[in-house]
ModelCIF file with pLDDT and N, C-alpha, C, O atoms, coordinates in Angstrom:
data_MODEL
#
_entry.id   MODEL 
#
_entity.id                         1 
_entity.type                       polymer 
_entity.pdbx_number_of_molecules   1 
#
_entity_poly.entity_id                      1 
_entity_poly.type                           'polypeptide(L)' 
_entity_poly.nstd_linkage                   no 
_entity_poly.nstd_monomer                   no 
_entity_poly.pdbx_seq_one_letter_code       LIASRSEGKIILAICVGLVLHAFMYSPQAAFFSELFGT 
_entity_poly.pdbx_seq_one_letter_code_can   LIASRSEGKIILAICVGLVLHAFMYSPQAAFFSELFGT 
_entity_poly.pdbx_strand_id                 A 
#
loop_
_entity_poly_seq.entity_id 
_entity_poly_seq.num 
_entity_poly_seq.mon_id 
_entity_poly_seq.hetero 
1 1  LEU n 
1 2  ILE n 
1 3  ALA n 
1 4  SER n 
1 5  ARG n 
1 6  SER n 
1 7  GLU n 
1 8  GLY n 
1 9  LYS n 
1 10 ILE n 
1 11 ILE n 
1 12 LEU n 
1 13 ALA n 
1 14 ILE n 
1 15 CYS n 
1 16 VAL n 
1 17 GLY n 
1 18 LEU n 
1 19 VAL n 
1 20 LEU n 
1 21 HIS n 
1 22 ALA n 
1 23 PHE n 
1 24 MET n 
1 25 TYR n 
1 26 SER n 
1 27 PRO n 
1 28 GLN n 
1 29 ALA n 
1 30 ALA n 
1 31 PHE n 
1 32 PHE n 
1 33 SER n 
1 34 GLU n 
1 35 LEU n 
1 36 PHE n 
1 37 GLY n 
1 38 THR n 
#
_struct_asym.id          A 
_struct_asym.entity_id   1 
#
loop_
_ma_qa_metric.id 
_ma_qa_metric.mode 
_ma_qa_metric.name 
_ma_qa_metric.software_group_id 
_ma_qa_metric.type 
1 global pLDDT . pLDDT 
2 local  pLDDT . pLDDT 
#
_ma_qa_metric_global.metric_id      1 
_ma_qa_metric_global.metric_value   92.39 
_ma_qa_metric_global.model_id       1 
_ma_qa_metric_global.ordinal_id     1 
#
loop_
_ma_qa_metric_local.label_asym_id 
_ma_qa_metric_local.label_comp_id 
_ma_qa_metric_local.label_seq_id 
_ma_qa_metric_local.metric_id 
_ma_qa_metric_local.metric_value 
_ma_qa_metric_local.model_id 
_ma_qa_metric_local.ordinal_id 
A LEU 1  2 91.00 1 1  
A ILE 2  2 88.00 1 2  
A ALA 3  2 85.00 1 3  
A SER 4  2 86.00 1 4  
A ARG 5  2 84.00 1 5  
A SER 6  2 87.00 1 6  
A GLU 7  2 88.00 1 7  
A GLY 8  2 92.00 1 8  
A LYS 9  2 92.00 1 9  
A ILE 10 2 91.00 1 10 
A ILE 11 2 93.00 1 11 
A LEU 12 2 95.00 1 12 
A ALA 13 2 94.00 1 13 
A ILE 14 2 94.00 1 14 
A CYS 15 2 95.00 1 15 
A VAL 16 2 97.00 1 16 
A GLY 17 2 96.00 1 17 
A LEU 18 2 96.00 1 18 
A VAL 19 2 97.00 1 19 
A LEU 20 2 97.00 1 20 
A HIS 21 2 97.00 1 21 
A ALA 22 2 97.00 1 22 
A PHE 23 2 97.00 1 23 
A MET 24 2 97.00 1 24 
A TYR 25 2 95.00 1 25 
A SER 26 2 95.00 1 26 
A PRO 27 2 95.00 1 27 
A GLN 28 2 95.00 1 28 
A ALA 29 2 92.00 1 29 
A ALA 30 2 92.00 1 30 
A PHE 31 2 93.00 1 31 
A PHE 32 2 93.00 1 32 
A SER 33 2 90.00 1 33 
A GLU 34 2 91.00 1 34 
A LEU 35 2 91.00 1 35 
A PHE 36 2 91.00 1 36 
A GLY 37 2 87.00 1 37 
A THR 38 2 85.00 1 38 
#
loop_
_atom_site.group_PDB 
_atom_site.id 
_atom_site.type_symbol 
_atom_site.label_atom_id 
_atom_site.label_alt_id 
_atom_site.label_comp_id 
_atom_site.label_asym_id 
_atom_site.label_entity_id 
_atom_site.label_seq_id 
_atom_site.pdbx_PDB_ins_code 
_atom_site.Cartn_x 
_atom_site.Cartn_y 
_atom_site.Cartn_z 
_atom_site.occupancy 
_atom_site.B_iso_or_equiv 
_atom_site.pdbx_formal_charge 
_atom_site.auth_seq_id 
_atom_site.auth_comp_id 
_atom_site.auth_asym_id 
_atom_site.auth_atom_id 
_atom_site.pdbx_PDB_model_num 
ATOM 1   N N  . LEU A 1 1  ? 137.508 41.358 113.371 1.00 91.00 ? 1  LEU A N  1 
ATOM 2   C CA . LEU A 1 1  ? 136.130 42.133 113.763 1.00 91.00 ? 1  LEU A CA 1 
ATOM 3   C C  . LEU A 1 1  ? 136.018 42.819 112.157 1.00 91.00 ? 1  LEU A C  1 
ATOM 4   O O  . LEU A 1 1  ? 135.192 42.358 111.370 1.00 91.00 ? 1  LEU A O  1 
ATOM 5   N N  . ILE A 1 2  ? 136.702 43.675 111.862 1.00 88.00 ? 2  ILE A N  1 
ATOM 6   C CA . ILE A 1 2  ? 136.513 43.893 110.409 1.00 88.00 ? 2  ILE A CA 1 
ATOM 7   C C  . ILE A 1 2  ? 135.843 42.846 109.394 1.00 88.00 ? 2  ILE A C  1 
ATOM 8   O O  . ILE A 1 2  ? 134.722 42.882 108.886 1.00 88.00 ? 2  ILE A O  1 
ATOM 9   N N  . ALA A 1 3  ? 136.546 42.199 109.297 1.00 85.00 ? 3  ALA A N  1 
ATOM 10  C CA . ALA A 1 3  ? 136.564 40.958 108.133 1.00 85.00 ? 3  ALA A CA 1 
ATOM 11  C C  . ALA A 1 3  ? 135.183 40.375 108.366 1.00 85.00 ? 3  ALA A C  1 
ATOM 12  O O  . ALA A 1 3  ? 134.420 40.019 107.468 1.00 85.00 ? 3  ALA A O  1 
ATOM 13  N N  . SER A 1 4  ? 134.930 40.313 109.765 1.00 86.00 ? 4  SER A N  1 
ATOM 14  C CA . SER A 1 4  ? 133.620 39.432 109.975 1.00 86.00 ? 4  SER A CA 1 
ATOM 15  C C  . SER A 1 4  ? 132.275 40.370 108.963 1.00 86.00 ? 4  SER A C  1 
ATOM 16  O O  . SER A 1 4  ? 131.194 39.831 108.726 1.00 86.00 ? 4  SER A O  1 
ATOM 17  N N  . ARG A 1 5  ? 132.462 41.148 108.698 1.00 84.00 ? 5  ARG A N  1 
ATOM 18  C CA . ARG A 1 5  ? 131.502 42.093 107.338 1.00 84.00 ? 5  ARG A CA 1 
ATOM 19  C C  . ARG A 1 5  ? 130.121 42.144 108.372 1.00 84.00 ? 5  ARG A C  1 
ATOM 20  O O  . ARG A 1 5  ? 129.104 42.297 107.696 1.00 84.00 ? 5  ARG A O  1 
ATOM 21  N N  . SER A 1 6  ? 129.816 42.044 110.007 1.00 87.00 ? 6  SER A N  1 
ATOM 22  C CA . SER A 1 6  ? 129.196 42.382 110.741 1.00 87.00 ? 6  SER A CA 1 
ATOM 23  C C  . SER A 1 6  ? 129.286 43.671 110.914 1.00 87.00 ? 6  SER A C  1 
ATOM 24  O O  . SER A 1 6  ? 130.432 44.035 111.179 1.00 87.00 ? 6  SER A O  1 
ATOM 25  N N  . GLU A 1 7  ? 128.264 44.748 110.848 1.00 88.00 ? 7  GLU A N  1 
ATOM 26  C CA . GLU A 1 7  ? 128.014 46.232 111.279 1.00 88.00 ? 7  GLU A CA 1 
ATOM 27  C C  . GLU A 1 7  ? 128.321 46.289 112.471 1.00 88.00 ? 7  GLU A C  1 
ATOM 28  O O  . GLU A 1 7  ? 129.191 47.140 112.658 1.00 88.00 ? 7  GLU A O  1 
ATOM 29  N N  . GLY A 1 8  ? 127.953 45.687 113.514 1.00 92.00 ? 8  GLY A N  1 
ATOM 30  C CA . GLY A 1 8  ? 128.069 45.642 114.742 1.00 92.00 ? 8  GLY A CA 1 
ATOM 31  C C  . GLY A 1 8  ? 129.760 45.664 115.175 1.00 92.00 ? 8  GLY A C  1 
ATOM 32  O O  . GLY A 1 8  ? 130.546 46.503 115.614 1.00 92.00 ? 8  GLY A O  1 
ATOM 33  N N  . LYS A 1 9  ? 129.790 44.734 114.917 1.00 92.00 ? 9  LYS A N  1 
ATOM 34  C CA . LYS A 1 9  ? 131.444 44.417 115.133 1.00 92.00 ? 9  LYS A CA 1 
ATOM 35  C C  . LYS A 1 9  ? 132.175 45.127 114.430 1.00 92.00 ? 9  LYS A C  1 
ATOM 36  O O  . LYS A 1 9  ? 133.213 45.499 114.979 1.00 92.00 ? 9  LYS A O  1 
ATOM 37  N N  . ILE A 1 10 ? 131.961 45.523 113.166 1.00 91.00 ? 10 ILE A N  1 
ATOM 38  C CA . ILE A 1 10 ? 132.992 46.891 112.305 1.00 91.00 ? 10 ILE A CA 1 
ATOM 39  C C  . ILE A 1 10 ? 132.948 48.067 113.445 1.00 91.00 ? 10 ILE A C  1 
ATOM 40  O O  . ILE A 1 10 ? 133.891 48.626 114.005 1.00 91.00 ? 10 ILE A O  1 
ATOM 41  N N  . ILE A 1 11 ? 131.373 48.275 113.616 1.00 93.00 ? 11 ILE A N  1 
ATOM 42  C CA . ILE A 1 11 ? 131.837 49.684 114.663 1.00 93.00 ? 11 ILE A CA 1 
ATOM 43  C C  . ILE A 1 11 ? 132.575 49.412 116.006 1.00 93.00 ? 11 ILE A C  1 
ATOM 44  O O  . ILE A 1 11 ? 133.566 50.003 116.435 1.00 93.00 ? 11 ILE A O  1 
ATOM 45  N N  . LEU A 1 12 ? 131.864 48.367 116.591 1.00 95.00 ? 12 LEU A N  1 
ATOM 46  C CA . LEU A 1 12 ? 132.375 47.992 117.748 1.00 95.00 ? 12 LEU A CA 1 
ATOM 47  C C  . LEU A 1 12 ? 134.329 48.234 117.693 1.00 95.00 ? 12 LEU A C  1 
ATOM 48  O O  . LEU A 1 12 ? 134.890 48.960 118.514 1.00 95.00 ? 12 LEU A O  1 
ATOM 49  N N  . ALA A 1 13 ? 134.972 47.599 116.766 1.00 94.00 ? 13 ALA A N  1 
ATOM 50  C CA . ALA A 1 13 ? 136.626 47.898 116.018 1.00 94.00 ? 13 ALA A CA 1 
ATOM 51  C C  . ALA A 1 13 ? 137.009 48.641 115.973 1.00 94.00 ? 13 ALA A C  1 
ATOM 52  O O  . ALA A 1 13 ? 138.191 48.754 116.296 1.00 94.00 ? 13 ALA A O  1 
ATOM 53  N N  . ILE A 1 14 ? 136.011 50.041 115.384 1.00 94.00 ? 14 ILE A N  1 
ATOM 54  C CA . ILE A 1 14 ? 136.673 51.380 114.975 1.00 94.00 ? 14 ILE A CA 1 
ATOM 55  C C  . ILE A 1 14 ? 136.630 52.318 116.268 1.00 94.00 ? 14 ILE A C  1 
ATOM 56  O O  . ILE A 1 14 ? 137.395 53.207 116.645 1.00 94.00 ? 14 ILE A O  1 
ATOM 57  N N  . CYS A 1 15 ? 135.464 51.797 116.806 1.00 95.00 ? 15 CYS A N  1 
ATOM 58  C CA . CYS A 1 15 ? 135.247 52.878 118.304 1.00 95.00 ? 15 CYS A CA 1 
ATOM 59  C C  . CYS A 1 15 ? 135.946 52.578 119.572 1.00 95.00 ? 15 CYS A C  1 
ATOM 60  O O  . CYS A 1 15 ? 136.081 53.359 120.514 1.00 95.00 ? 15 CYS A O  1 
ATOM 61  N N  . VAL A 1 16 ? 136.333 51.483 119.501 1.00 97.00 ? 16 VAL A N  1 
ATOM 62  C CA . VAL A 1 16 ? 137.413 51.188 120.753 1.00 97.00 ? 16 VAL A CA 1 
ATOM 63  C C  . VAL A 1 16 ? 138.859 51.499 120.161 1.00 97.00 ? 16 VAL A C  1 
ATOM 64  O O  . VAL A 1 16 ? 139.770 51.990 120.827 1.00 97.00 ? 16 VAL A O  1 
ATOM 65  N N  . GLY A 1 17 ? 138.938 51.162 118.882 1.00 96.00 ? 17 GLY A N  1 
ATOM 66  C CA . GLY A 1 17 ? 140.739 51.717 118.306 1.00 96.00 ? 17 GLY A CA 1 
ATOM 67  C C  . GLY A 1 17 ? 140.367 52.987 118.662 1.00 96.00 ? 17 GLY A C  1 
ATOM 68  O O  . GLY A 1 17 ? 140.862 53.356 119.727 1.00 96.00 ? 17 GLY A O  1 
ATOM 69  N N  . LEU A 1 18 ? 139.442 54.002 117.946 1.00 96.00 ? 18 LEU A N  1 
ATOM 70  C CA . LEU A 1 18 ? 139.113 55.585 118.029 1.00 96.00 ? 18 LEU A CA 1 
ATOM 71  C C  . LEU A 1 18 ? 139.553 55.846 119.815 1.00 96.00 ? 18 LEU A C  1 
ATOM 72  O O  . LEU A 1 18 ? 140.405 56.599 120.286 1.00 96.00 ? 18 LEU A O  1 
ATOM 73  N N  . VAL A 1 19 ? 138.899 55.197 120.293 1.00 97.00 ? 19 VAL A N  1 
ATOM 74  C CA . VAL A 1 19 ? 139.019 55.986 121.699 1.00 97.00 ? 19 VAL A CA 1 
ATOM 75  C C  . VAL A 1 19 ? 140.037 55.957 122.653 1.00 97.00 ? 19 VAL A C  1 
ATOM 76  O O  . VAL A 1 19 ? 140.376 56.736 123.544 1.00 97.00 ? 19 VAL A O  1 
ATOM 77  N N  . LEU A 1 20 ? 140.641 54.363 122.072 1.00 97.00 ? 20 LEU A N  1 
ATOM 78  C CA . LEU A 1 20 ? 142.377 54.227 122.738 1.00 97.00 ? 20 LEU A CA 1 
ATOM 79  C C  . LEU A 1 20 ? 143.609 54.953 122.321 1.00 97.00 ? 20 LEU A C  1 
ATOM 80  O O  . LEU A 1 20 ? 144.708 54.764 122.843 1.00 97.00 ? 20 LEU A O  1 
ATOM 81  N N  . HIS A 1 21 ? 143.333 55.938 121.189 1.00 97.00 ? 21 HIS A N  1 
ATOM 82  C CA . HIS A 1 21 ? 143.882 56.668 120.222 1.00 97.00 ? 21 HIS A CA 1 
ATOM 83  C C  . HIS A 1 21 ? 143.351 57.820 121.323 1.00 97.00 ? 21 HIS A C  1 
ATOM 84  O O  . HIS A 1 21 ? 144.179 58.111 122.186 1.00 97.00 ? 21 HIS A O  1 
ATOM 85  N N  . ALA A 1 22 ? 142.330 58.358 121.367 1.00 97.00 ? 22 ALA A N  1 
ATOM 86  C CA . ALA A 1 22 ? 142.319 59.216 122.352 1.00 97.00 ? 22 ALA A CA 1 
ATOM 87  C C  . ALA A 1 22 ? 142.735 59.495 123.704 1.00 97.00 ? 22 ALA A C  1 
ATOM 88  O O  . ALA A 1 22 ? 142.568 60.572 124.277 1.00 97.00 ? 22 ALA A O  1 
ATOM 89  N N  . PHE A 1 23 ? 143.364 58.322 124.250 1.00 97.00 ? 23 PHE A N  1 
ATOM 90  C CA . PHE A 1 23 ? 144.193 58.554 125.091 1.00 97.00 ? 23 PHE A CA 1 
ATOM 91  C C  . PHE A 1 23 ? 145.530 58.757 125.483 1.00 97.00 ? 23 PHE A C  1 
ATOM 92  O O  . PHE A 1 23 ? 146.035 58.647 126.600 1.00 97.00 ? 23 PHE A O  1 
ATOM 93  N N  . MET A 1 24 ? 146.337 59.263 123.740 1.00 97.00 ? 24 MET A N  1 
ATOM 94  C CA . MET A 1 24 ? 147.095 59.561 123.351 1.00 97.00 ? 24 MET A CA 1 
ATOM 95  C C  . MET A 1 24 ? 146.952 61.257 122.865 1.00 97.00 ? 24 MET A C  1 
ATOM 96  O O  . MET A 1 24 ? 147.435 62.294 123.320 1.00 97.00 ? 24 MET A O  1 
ATOM 97  N N  . TYR A 1 25 ? 146.112 60.975 121.807 1.00 95.00 ? 25 TYR A N  1 
ATOM 98  C CA . TYR A 1 25 ? 146.172 62.457 120.775 1.00 95.00 ? 25 TYR A CA 1 
ATOM 99  C C  . TYR A 1 25 ? 145.619 63.810 122.188 1.00 95.00 ? 25 TYR A C  1 
ATOM 100 O O  . TYR A 1 25 ? 146.301 64.770 122.546 1.00 95.00 ? 25 TYR A O  1 
ATOM 101 N N  . SER A 1 26 ? 144.596 63.527 122.574 1.00 95.00 ? 26 SER A N  1 
ATOM 102 C CA . SER A 1 26 ? 144.053 64.205 123.550 1.00 95.00 ? 26 SER A CA 1 
ATOM 103 C C  . SER A 1 26 ? 145.042 64.879 124.339 1.00 95.00 ? 26 SER A C  1 
ATOM 104 O O  . SER A 1 26 ? 145.408 66.011 124.024 1.00 95.00 ? 26 SER A O  1 
ATOM 105 N N  . PRO A 1 27 ? 145.579 64.186 125.494 1.00 95.00 ? 27 PRO A N  1 
ATOM 106 C CA . PRO A 1 27 ? 146.463 65.211 126.163 1.00 95.00 ? 27 PRO A CA 1 
ATOM 107 C C  . PRO A 1 27 ? 147.977 65.258 125.372 1.00 95.00 ? 27 PRO A C  1 
ATOM 108 O O  . PRO A 1 27 ? 148.928 65.692 126.022 1.00 95.00 ? 27 PRO A O  1 
ATOM 109 N N  . GLN A 1 28 ? 148.124 64.955 124.421 1.00 95.00 ? 28 GLN A N  1 
ATOM 110 C CA . GLN A 1 28 ? 149.398 65.581 123.205 1.00 95.00 ? 28 GLN A CA 1 
ATOM 111 C C  . GLN A 1 28 ? 149.508 66.865 123.307 1.00 95.00 ? 28 GLN A C  1 
ATOM 112 O O  . GLN A 1 28 ? 150.498 67.363 123.843 1.00 95.00 ? 28 GLN A O  1 
ATOM 113 N N  . ALA A 1 29 ? 148.648 67.499 122.878 1.00 92.00 ? 29 ALA A N  1 
ATOM 114 C CA . ALA A 1 29 ? 148.685 68.927 122.841 1.00 92.00 ? 29 ALA A CA 1 
ATOM 115 C C  . ALA A 1 29 ? 148.759 69.444 123.647 1.00 92.00 ? 29 ALA A C  1 
ATOM 116 O O  . ALA A 1 29 ? 149.706 70.127 123.256 1.00 92.00 ? 29 ALA A O  1 
ATOM 117 N N  . ALA A 1 30 ? 148.492 69.959 125.034 1.00 92.00 ? 30 ALA A N  1 
ATOM 118 C CA . ALA A 1 30 ? 148.971 70.604 125.894 1.00 92.00 ? 30 ALA A CA 1 
ATOM 119 C C  . ALA A 1 30 ? 150.776 69.893 126.045 1.00 92.00 ? 30 ALA A C  1 
ATOM 120 O O  . ALA A 1 30 ? 151.873 70.443 125.959 1.00 92.00 ? 30 ALA A O  1 
ATOM 121 N N  . PHE A 1 31 ? 150.340 68.388 126.313 1.00 93.00 ? 31 PHE A N  1 
ATOM 122 C CA . PHE A 1 31 ? 152.038 68.053 126.689 1.00 93.00 ? 31 PHE A CA 1 
ATOM 123 C C  . PHE A 1 31 ? 153.548 68.620 125.280 1.00 93.00 ? 31 PHE A C  1 
ATOM 124 O O  . PHE A 1 31 ? 154.752 68.829 125.426 1.00 93.00 ? 31 PHE A O  1 
ATOM 125 N N  . PHE A 1 32 ? 153.109 68.646 124.697 1.00 93.00 ? 32 PHE A N  1 
ATOM 126 C CA . PHE A 1 32 ? 153.869 69.296 123.376 1.00 93.00 ? 32 PHE A CA 1 
ATOM 127 C C  . PHE A 1 32 ? 154.037 70.564 123.817 1.00 93.00 ? 32 PHE A C  1 
ATOM 128 O O  . PHE A 1 32 ? 155.145 71.016 124.105 1.00 93.00 ? 32 PHE A O  1 
ATOM 129 N N  . SER A 1 33 ? 152.983 71.201 123.898 1.00 90.00 ? 33 SER A N  1 
ATOM 130 C CA . SER A 1 33 ? 153.027 72.572 124.407 1.00 90.00 ? 33 SER A CA 1 
ATOM 131 C C  . SER A 1 33 ? 153.873 73.405 125.339 1.00 90.00 ? 33 SER A C  1 
ATOM 132 O O  . SER A 1 33 ? 154.256 74.575 125.305 1.00 90.00 ? 33 SER A O  1 
ATOM 133 N N  . GLU A 1 34 ? 154.084 72.093 126.444 1.00 91.00 ? 34 GLU A N  1 
ATOM 134 C CA . GLU A 1 34 ? 155.150 72.083 127.897 1.00 91.00 ? 34 GLU A CA 1 
ATOM 135 C C  . GLU A 1 34 ? 156.141 72.117 127.624 1.00 91.00 ? 34 GLU A C  1 
ATOM 136 O O  . GLU A 1 34 ? 156.922 72.772 128.313 1.00 91.00 ? 34 GLU A O  1 
ATOM 137 N N  . LEU A 1 35 ? 156.628 71.352 126.365 1.00 91.00 ? 35 LEU A N  1 
ATOM 138 C CA . LEU A 1 35 ? 158.101 70.711 126.485 1.00 91.00 ? 35 LEU A CA 1 
ATOM 139 C C  . LEU A 1 35 ? 158.660 71.864 125.752 1.00 91.00 ? 35 LEU A C  1 
ATOM 140 O O  . LEU A 1 35 ? 159.872 71.651 125.706 1.00 91.00 ? 35 LEU A O  1 
ATOM 141 N N  . PHE A 1 36 ? 158.401 72.945 125.174 1.00 91.00 ? 36 PHE A N  1 
ATOM 142 C CA . PHE A 1 36 ? 159.032 74.226 124.731 1.00 91.00 ? 36 PHE A CA 1 
ATOM 143 C C  . PHE A 1 36 ? 158.823 75.615 125.140 1.00 91.00 ? 36 PHE A C  1 
ATOM 144 O O  . PHE A 1 36 ? 157.739 76.126 125.423 1.00 91.00 ? 36 PHE A O  1 
ATOM 145 N N  . GLY A 1 37 ? 159.749 76.064 125.141 1.00 87.00 ? 37 GLY A N  1 
ATOM 146 C CA . GLY A 1 37 ? 159.883 77.382 125.484 1.00 87.00 ? 37 GLY A CA 1 
ATOM 147 C C  . GLY A 1 37 ? 159.521 78.190 124.414 1.00 87.00 ? 37 GLY A C  1 
ATOM 148 O O  . GLY A 1 37 ? 160.010 78.169 123.284 1.00 87.00 ? 37 GLY A O  1 
ATOM 149 N N  . THR A 1 38 ? 158.041 79.380 125.121 1.00 85.00 ? 38 THR A N  1 
ATOM 150 C CA . THR A 1 38 ? 157.341 80.336 124.547 1.00 85.00 ? 38 THR A CA 1 
ATOM 151 C C  . THR A 1 38 ? 158.104 80.751 122.847 1.00 85.00 ? 38 THR A C  1 
ATOM 152 O O  . THR A 1 38 ? 157.599 81.624 122.141 1.00 85.00 ? 38 THR A O  1 
#
């Protein structure tokens, strides 16, 4: 998608990638906090 040099495809590639990344990064803060004692 990036190699297409199409603006729409490049935006799609990055947006979908970052949304999928958010499924890990968002709960990570609470998850890691809950693993360890105060």
